[in-house]
């Protein structure tokens, strides 16, 4: 079984109170909680927070609260330390889980079918972790002394570019021993789990992201429970 942990601290500078801001008719945090609780194989969903209002919202949507200490609720606190504290606070029984599912509340759109495929692959292939990645046919280059230096020939079509991949934040799965014994979110053997557009294009960190996210949600809402 998998243990889901959602880190949701109260401090946010670019978009104040973003974890409980309204998105698609409910608090942003609720989307990740509902994703975790509706995914087969997830044992329980914990929300790690130091904020009483966030804790109340998380409880309302069915999560169990981990009271995060103040020193782990700063801008400089590492995700690994937050997860390690949550696993320890959850108790010995939960440390027997096969892995930890980290869901960031700022990435709310995750189809259930995608979650099922990710967990199935995580449990069936040798790995230390699995992370969500996105493929894009980008025209990449460098800026040197104010000038753009491309890594391709000018005039090349985007569709012919070798694909590049980036970590998109949608899903992180880590073997329990990798997290607890090695103190690592990824370990050395990291499976790349390619996610679909446009779910990977919603990352709520600034006010404009809410507008973009709401537009995408209206187009894909009926796909989230597929």
C-alpha atoms as a PDB file:
ATOM      1  CA  UNK A   1       0.000   0.000   0.000  1.00  0.00           C
ATOM      2  CA  UNK A   2       0.959   3.631  -0.534  1.00  0.00           C
ATOM      3  CA  UNK A   3       0.966   6.466   2.010  1.00  0.00           C
ATOM      4  CA  UNK A   4      -0.073   9.843   0.575  1.00  0.00           C
ATOM      5  CA  UNK A   5       1.427  13.003   2.083  1.00  0.00           C
ATOM      6  CA  UNK A   6       0.451  16.526   1.056  1.00  0.00           C
ATOM      7  CA  UNK A   7       2.628  19.382   2.353  1.00  0.00           C
ATOM      8  CA  UNK A   8       0.539  22.532   2.829  1.00  0.00           C
ATOM      9  CA  UNK A   9       2.093  25.266   4.919  1.00  0.00           C
ATOM     10  CA  UNK A  10       0.382  28.574   5.581  1.00  0.00           C
ATOM     11  CA  UNK A  11       3.039  30.931   4.260  1.00  0.00           C
ATOM     12  CA  UNK A  12       2.886  31.966   0.615  1.00  0.00           C
ATOM     13  CA  UNK A  13       4.200  35.272  -0.687  1.00  0.00           C
ATOM     14  CA  UNK A  14       3.305  35.370  -4.393  1.00  0.00           C
ATOM     15  CA  UNK A  15      -0.255  34.109  -3.855  1.00  0.00           C
ATOM     16  CA  UNK A  16      -1.283  34.502  -0.187  1.00  0.00           C
ATOM     17  CA  UNK A  17      -3.181  31.556   1.328  1.00  0.00           C
ATOM     18  CA  UNK A  18      -2.891  29.742  -1.977  1.00  0.00           C
ATOM     19  CA  UNK A  19      -3.344  26.254  -0.523  1.00  0.00           C
ATOM     20  CA  UNK A  20      -6.938  27.026   0.440  1.00  0.00           C
ATOM     21  CA  UNK A  21      -7.770  29.589  -2.222  1.00  0.00           C
ATOM     22  CA  UNK A  22     -10.897  28.774  -4.242  1.00  0.00           C
ATOM     23  CA  UNK A  23     -10.226  26.784  -7.402  1.00  0.00           C
ATOM     24  CA  UNK A  24     -12.984  25.180  -9.423  1.00  0.00           C
ATOM     25  CA  UNK A  25     -15.489  25.690  -6.620  1.00  0.00           C
ATOM     26  CA  UNK A  26     -13.479  24.248  -3.712  1.00  0.00           C
ATOM     27  CA  UNK A  27     -10.220  24.909  -1.860  1.00  0.00           C
ATOM     28  CA  UNK A  28      -7.132  24.208  -3.948  1.00  0.00           C
ATOM     29  CA  UNK A  29      -5.871  21.715  -1.363  1.00  0.00           C
ATOM     30  CA  UNK A  30      -9.062  19.672  -1.680  1.00  0.00           C
ATOM     31  CA  UNK A  31      -8.206  18.544  -5.200  1.00  0.00           C
ATOM     32  CA  UNK A  32      -5.072  16.720  -4.078  1.00  0.00           C
ATOM     33  CA  UNK A  33      -6.812  15.201  -1.054  1.00  0.00           C
ATOM     34  CA  UNK A  34      -9.633  13.871  -3.207  1.00  0.00           C
ATOM     35  CA  UNK A  35      -7.137  12.528  -5.724  1.00  0.00           C
ATOM     36  CA  UNK A  36      -5.303  10.611  -3.009  1.00  0.00           C
ATOM     37  CA  UNK A  37      -8.439   9.218  -1.364  1.00  0.00           C
ATOM     38  CA  UNK A  38      -9.963   8.096  -4.679  1.00  0.00           C
ATOM     39  CA  UNK A  39      -6.824   6.321  -5.934  1.00  0.00           C
ATOM     40  CA  UNK A  40      -6.774   2.538  -5.423  1.00  0.00           C
ATOM     41  CA  UNK A  41      -3.759   1.435  -3.434  1.00  0.00           C
ATOM     42  CA  UNK A  42      -3.473   4.587  -1.330  1.00  0.00           C
ATOM     43  CA  UNK A  43      -3.744   3.620   2.323  1.00  0.00           C
ATOM     44  CA  UNK A  44      -4.337   7.020   3.899  1.00  0.00           C
ATOM     45  CA  UNK A  45      -3.887  10.702   3.085  1.00  0.00           C
ATOM     46  CA  UNK A  46      -1.965  12.949   5.475  1.00  0.00           C
ATOM     47  CA  UNK A  47      -1.701  16.727   5.239  1.00  0.00           C
ATOM     48  CA  UNK A  48       1.360  18.256   6.896  1.00  0.00           C
ATOM     49  CA  UNK A  49       0.694  21.819   8.028  1.00  0.00           C
ATOM     50  CA  UNK A  50       1.382  24.301  10.812  1.00  0.00           C
ATOM     51  CA  UNK A  51      -1.738  26.318   9.929  1.00  0.00           C
ATOM     52  CA  UNK A  52      -5.031  25.823  11.813  1.00  0.00           C
ATOM     53  CA  UNK A  53      -7.250  27.014   8.953  1.00  0.00           C
ATOM     54  CA  UNK A  54      -5.539  24.714   6.443  1.00  0.00           C
ATOM     55  CA  UNK A  55      -5.859  21.837   8.924  1.00  0.00           C
ATOM     56  CA  UNK A  56      -9.601  22.460   9.263  1.00  0.00           C
ATOM     57  CA  UNK A  57     -10.084  22.441   5.488  1.00  0.00           C
ATOM     58  CA  UNK A  58      -8.017  19.259   5.141  1.00  0.00           C
ATOM     59  CA  UNK A  59     -10.083  17.481   7.800  1.00  0.00           C
ATOM     60  CA  UNK A  60     -13.290  18.560   6.083  1.00  0.00           C
ATOM     61  CA  UNK A  61     -12.186  16.740   2.930  1.00  0.00           C
ATOM     62  CA  UNK A  62     -11.091  13.576   4.724  1.00  0.00           C
ATOM     63  CA  UNK A  63      -7.366  13.962   5.360  1.00  0.00           C
ATOM     64  CA  UNK A  64      -5.509  13.143   8.557  1.00  0.00           C
ATOM     65  CA  UNK A  65      -3.478  16.056   9.940  1.00  0.00           C
ATOM     66  CA  UNK A  66       0.225  16.033  10.751  1.00  0.00           C
ATOM     67  CA  UNK A  67       1.079  19.013  12.953  1.00  0.00           C
ATOM     68  CA  UNK A  68       4.196  20.454  11.352  1.00  0.00           C
ATOM     69  CA  UNK A  69       6.691  22.233  13.628  1.00  0.00           C
ATOM     70  CA  UNK A  70       7.476  25.871  12.869  1.00  0.00           C
ATOM     71  CA  UNK A  71      11.053  25.117  11.810  1.00  0.00           C
ATOM     72  CA  UNK A  72       9.711  22.922   9.005  1.00  0.00           C
ATOM     73  CA  UNK A  73       7.288  25.596   7.780  1.00  0.00           C
ATOM     74  CA  UNK A  74       9.862  28.104   6.523  1.00  0.00           C
ATOM     75  CA  UNK A  75      10.900  28.891   2.952  1.00  0.00           C
ATOM     76  CA  UNK A  76      14.151  27.020   3.542  1.00  0.00           C
ATOM     77  CA  UNK A  77      12.677  23.792   4.937  1.00  0.00           C
ATOM     78  CA  UNK A  78      13.370  20.841   2.649  1.00  0.00           C
ATOM     79  CA  UNK A  79      10.654  18.617   1.262  1.00  0.00           C
ATOM     80  CA  UNK A  80      12.545  15.538   2.439  1.00  0.00           C
ATOM     81  CA  UNK A  81      12.610  16.788   6.037  1.00  0.00           C
ATOM     82  CA  UNK A  82       8.883  17.540   5.889  1.00  0.00           C
ATOM     83  CA  UNK A  83       8.147  14.033   4.567  1.00  0.00           C
ATOM     84  CA  UNK A  84      10.416  12.365   7.128  1.00  0.00           C
ATOM     85  CA  UNK A  85       8.661  14.206   9.942  1.00  0.00           C
ATOM     86  CA  UNK A  86       5.263  13.206   8.550  1.00  0.00           C
ATOM     87  CA  UNK A  87       6.217   9.542   8.244  1.00  0.00           C
ATOM     88  CA  UNK A  88       7.567   9.512  11.788  1.00  0.00           C
ATOM     89  CA  UNK A  89       4.462  11.244  13.128  1.00  0.00           C
ATOM     90  CA  UNK A  90       2.173   8.827  11.269  1.00  0.00           C
ATOM     91  CA  UNK A  91       3.480   5.949  13.402  1.00  0.00           C
ATOM     92  CA  UNK A  92       5.196   2.608  12.990  1.00  0.00           C
ATOM     93  CA  UNK A  93       2.264   0.905  11.290  1.00  0.00           C
ATOM     94  CA  UNK A  94       2.350   3.368   8.408  1.00  0.00           C
ATOM     95  CA  UNK A  95       6.100   2.946   7.927  1.00  0.00           C
ATOM     96  CA  UNK A  96       5.358  -0.529   6.603  1.00  0.00           C
ATOM     97  CA  UNK A  97       3.868   1.017   3.464  1.00  0.00           C
ATOM     98  CA  UNK A  98       5.632   0.255   0.184  1.00  0.00           C
ATOM     99  CA  UNK A  99       6.082   3.892  -0.653  1.00  0.00           C
ATOM    100  CA  UNK A 100       5.185   7.523  -0.110  1.00  0.00           C
ATOM    101  CA  UNK A 101       3.097   9.486  -2.589  1.00  0.00           C
ATOM    102  CA  UNK A 102       3.918  13.200  -2.482  1.00  0.00           C
ATOM    103  CA  UNK A 103       1.188  15.399  -3.934  1.00  0.00           C
ATOM    104  CA  UNK A 104       1.786  19.132  -4.174  1.00  0.00           C
ATOM    105  CA  UNK A 105      -1.461  21.081  -3.740  1.00  0.00           C
ATOM    106  CA  UNK A 106      -0.365  23.597  -6.372  1.00  0.00           C
ATOM    107  CA  UNK A 107      -0.710  20.896  -9.066  1.00  0.00           C
ATOM    108  CA  UNK A 108      -4.403  20.033  -8.691  1.00  0.00           C
ATOM    109  CA  UNK A 109      -5.325  18.243 -11.930  1.00  0.00           C
ATOM    110  CA  UNK A 110      -4.501  14.534 -11.887  1.00  0.00           C
ATOM    111  CA  UNK A 111      -6.773  12.028 -13.666  1.00  0.00           C
ATOM    112  CA  UNK A 112      -7.433   8.919 -11.594  1.00  0.00           C
ATOM    113  CA  UNK A 113      -6.323   6.718 -14.503  1.00  0.00           C
ATOM    114  CA  UNK A 114      -2.961   8.490 -14.513  1.00  0.00           C
ATOM    115  CA  UNK A 115      -2.533   7.892 -10.786  1.00  0.00           C
ATOM    116  CA  UNK A 116      -3.368   4.211 -11.147  1.00  0.00           C
ATOM    117  CA  UNK A 117      -0.855   3.753 -13.961  1.00  0.00           C
ATOM    118  CA  UNK A 118       1.852   5.560 -12.011  1.00  0.00           C
ATOM    119  CA  UNK A 119       1.396   3.442  -8.887  1.00  0.00           C
ATOM    120  CA  UNK A 120       1.207   0.205 -10.879  1.00  0.00           C
ATOM    121  CA  UNK A 121       4.497   1.029 -12.591  1.00  0.00           C
ATOM    122  CA  UNK A 122       6.127   2.145  -9.343  1.00  0.00           C
ATOM    123  CA  UNK A 123       5.239  -1.144  -7.663  1.00  0.00           C
ATOM    124  CA  UNK A 124       6.081  -3.422 -10.602  1.00  0.00           C
ATOM    125  CA  UNK A 125       9.413  -2.056 -11.890  1.00  0.00           C
ATOM    126  CA  UNK A 126      12.722  -1.964  -9.976  1.00  0.00           C
ATOM    127  CA  UNK A 127      13.210   1.626  -8.791  1.00  0.00           C
ATOM    128  CA  UNK A 128      13.851   3.934  -5.886  1.00  0.00           C
ATOM    129  CA  UNK A 129      11.288   6.465  -7.051  1.00  0.00           C
ATOM    130  CA  UNK A 130       9.020   7.643  -9.841  1.00  0.00           C
ATOM    131  CA  UNK A 131       8.481  11.274 -10.849  1.00  0.00           C
ATOM    132  CA  UNK A 132       6.106  12.978 -13.256  1.00  0.00           C
ATOM    133  CA  UNK A 133       7.783  14.443 -16.320  1.00  0.00           C
ATOM    134  CA  UNK A 134       6.575  16.327 -19.386  1.00  0.00           C
ATOM    135  CA  UNK A 135       7.767  16.050 -22.972  1.00  0.00           C
ATOM    136  CA  UNK A 136       8.084  19.162 -25.110  1.00  0.00           C
ATOM    137  CA  UNK A 137       9.604  19.726 -28.610  1.00  0.00           C
ATOM    138  CA  UNK A 138      11.341  22.930 -27.560  1.00  0.00           C
ATOM    139  CA  UNK A 139      13.857  25.014 -29.452  1.00  0.00           C
ATOM    140  CA  UNK A 140      16.483  25.376 -26.741  1.00  0.00           C
ATOM    141  CA  UNK A 141      19.610  27.460 -26.585  1.00  0.00           C
ATOM    142  CA  UNK A 142      21.748  29.703 -24.391  1.00  0.00           C
ATOM    143  CA  UNK A 143      22.059  33.441 -23.940  1.00  0.00           C
ATOM    144  CA  UNK A 144      25.679  34.567 -24.126  1.00  0.00           C
ATOM    145  CA  UNK A 145      26.530  38.269 -23.725  1.00  0.00           C
ATOM    146  CA  UNK A 146      22.934  39.160 -24.505  1.00  0.00           C
ATOM    147  CA  UNK A 147      22.785  37.069 -27.676  1.00  0.00           C
ATOM    148  CA  UNK A 148      20.739  33.941 -28.244  1.00  0.00           C
ATOM    149  CA  UNK A 149      22.864  30.937 -29.200  1.00  0.00           C
ATOM    150  CA  UNK A 150      20.572  28.095 -30.367  1.00  0.00           C
ATOM    151  CA  UNK A 151      21.227  24.395 -29.942  1.00  0.00           C
ATOM    152  CA  UNK A 152      19.558  23.844 -33.327  1.00  0.00           C
ATOM    153  CA  UNK A 153      19.653  25.299 -36.828  1.00  0.00           C
ATOM    154  CA  UNK A 154      17.506  28.407 -37.246  1.00  0.00           C
ATOM    155  CA  UNK A 155      14.495  27.608 -39.372  1.00  0.00           C
ATOM    156  CA  UNK A 156      14.092  24.046 -38.065  1.00  0.00           C
ATOM    157  CA  UNK A 157      10.505  23.041 -37.375  1.00  0.00           C
ATOM    158  CA  UNK A 158       9.515  22.550 -33.733  1.00  0.00           C
ATOM    159  CA  UNK A 159       7.911  19.198 -34.492  1.00  0.00           C
ATOM    160  CA  UNK A 160      11.288  17.906 -35.665  1.00  0.00           C
ATOM    161  CA  UNK A 161      13.154  18.910 -32.493  1.00  0.00           C
ATOM    162  CA  UNK A 162      14.417  16.070 -30.277  1.00  0.00           C
ATOM    163  CA  UNK A 163      12.040  16.033 -27.304  1.00  0.00           C
ATOM    164  CA  UNK A 164      13.200  17.421 -23.993  1.00  0.00           C
ATOM    165  CA  UNK A 165      11.719  16.438 -20.640  1.00  0.00           C
ATOM    166  CA  UNK A 166      11.191  18.388 -17.440  1.00  0.00           C
ATOM    167  CA  UNK A 167      10.032  17.558 -13.930  1.00  0.00           C
ATOM    168  CA  UNK A 168       6.480  18.878 -13.719  1.00  0.00           C
ATOM    169  CA  UNK A 169       5.561  18.424 -10.041  1.00  0.00           C
ATOM    170  CA  UNK A 170       2.396  16.413 -10.652  1.00  0.00           C
ATOM    171  CA  UNK A 171       3.435  13.213  -8.909  1.00  0.00           C
ATOM    172  CA  UNK A 172       6.289  11.855  -6.801  1.00  0.00           C
ATOM    173  CA  UNK A 173       6.430   8.280  -5.547  1.00  0.00           C
ATOM    174  CA  UNK A 174       9.299   7.212  -3.298  1.00  0.00           C
ATOM    175  CA  UNK A 175      10.074   3.816  -1.809  1.00  0.00           C
ATOM    176  CA  UNK A 176       9.807   3.969   1.972  1.00  0.00           C
ATOM    177  CA  UNK A 177      13.364   2.728   2.478  1.00  0.00           C
ATOM    178  CA  UNK A 178      14.699   5.338   0.050  1.00  0.00           C
ATOM    179  CA  UNK A 179      13.060   8.107   2.048  1.00  0.00           C
ATOM    180  CA  UNK A 180      13.667   6.813   5.582  1.00  0.00           C
ATOM    181  CA  UNK A 181      17.019   5.042   5.268  1.00  0.00           C
ATOM    182  CA  UNK A 182      18.671   7.163   2.580  1.00  0.00           C
ATOM    183  CA  UNK A 183      16.998  10.489   3.376  1.00  0.00           C
ATOM    184  CA  UNK A 184      16.261  11.006  -0.313  1.00  0.00           C
ATOM    185  CA  UNK A 185      13.154  11.843  -2.309  1.00  0.00           C
ATOM    186  CA  UNK A 186      14.439  10.110  -5.435  1.00  0.00           C
ATOM    187  CA  UNK A 187      17.368   7.782  -4.770  1.00  0.00           C
ATOM    188  CA  UNK A 188      19.432   6.714  -7.772  1.00  0.00           C
ATOM    189  CA  UNK A 189      16.936   4.677  -9.807  1.00  0.00           C
ATOM    190  CA  UNK A 190      14.323   7.220 -10.866  1.00  0.00           C
ATOM    191  CA  UNK A 191      11.513   6.135 -13.185  1.00  0.00           C
ATOM    192  CA  UNK A 192      10.305   8.847 -15.576  1.00  0.00           C
ATOM    193  CA  UNK A 193       6.516   8.823 -15.725  1.00  0.00           C
ATOM    194  CA  UNK A 194       5.369  10.880 -18.693  1.00  0.00           C
ATOM    195  CA  UNK A 195       2.124  12.722 -17.997  1.00  0.00           C
ATOM    196  CA  UNK A 196      -0.365  14.127 -20.468  1.00  0.00           C
ATOM    197  CA  UNK A 197      -1.157  17.689 -21.433  1.00  0.00           C
ATOM    198  CA  UNK A 198      -2.862  19.865 -20.350  1.00  0.00           C
ATOM    199  CA  UNK A 199      -2.856  18.496 -16.789  1.00  0.00           C
ATOM    200  CA  UNK A 200       0.845  19.254 -16.432  1.00  0.00           C
ATOM    201  CA  UNK A 201       0.316  22.893 -17.412  1.00  0.00           C
ATOM    202  CA  UNK A 202      -1.535  23.837 -14.226  1.00  0.00           C
ATOM    203  CA  UNK A 203       0.757  24.937 -11.388  1.00  0.00           C
ATOM    204  CA  UNK A 204      -0.843  27.505  -9.086  1.00  0.00           C
ATOM    205  CA  UNK A 205       1.777  29.896  -7.708  1.00  0.00           C
ATOM    206  CA  UNK A 206       0.654  33.334  -8.935  1.00  0.00           C
ATOM    207  CA  UNK A 207      -2.743  35.013  -9.560  1.00  0.00           C
ATOM    208  CA  UNK A 208      -2.501  34.515 -13.331  1.00  0.00           C
ATOM    209  CA  UNK A 209      -2.068  30.766 -12.754  1.00  0.00           C
ATOM    210  CA  UNK A 210      -5.560  30.659 -11.268  1.00  0.00           C
ATOM    211  CA  UNK A 211      -7.054  32.109 -14.436  1.00  0.00           C
ATOM    212  CA  UNK A 212      -5.156  29.700 -16.677  1.00  0.00           C
ATOM    213  CA  UNK A 213      -5.924  26.776 -14.386  1.00  0.00           C
ATOM    214  CA  UNK A 214      -9.652  27.498 -14.269  1.00  0.00           C
ATOM    215  CA  UNK A 215      -9.781  27.633 -18.068  1.00  0.00           C
ATOM    216  CA  UNK A 216      -8.016  24.291 -18.387  1.00  0.00           C
ATOM    217  CA  UNK A 217     -10.171  22.757 -15.653  1.00  0.00           C
ATOM    218  CA  UNK A 218     -13.336  23.672 -17.535  1.00  0.00           C
ATOM    219  CA  UNK A 219     -12.058  21.691 -20.520  1.00  0.00           C
ATOM    220  CA  UNK A 220     -10.889  18.564 -18.653  1.00  0.00           C
ATOM    221  CA  UNK A 221     -13.052  18.296 -15.528  1.00  0.00           C
ATOM    222  CA  UNK A 222     -14.927  15.256 -16.870  1.00  0.00           C
ATOM    223  CA  UNK A 223     -11.633  13.432 -17.477  1.00  0.00           C
ATOM    224  CA  UNK A 224     -10.381  13.573 -13.893  1.00  0.00           C
ATOM    225  CA  UNK A 225     -12.398  10.578 -12.717  1.00  0.00           C
ATOM    226  CA  UNK A 226     -11.695   8.417 -15.795  1.00  0.00           C
END
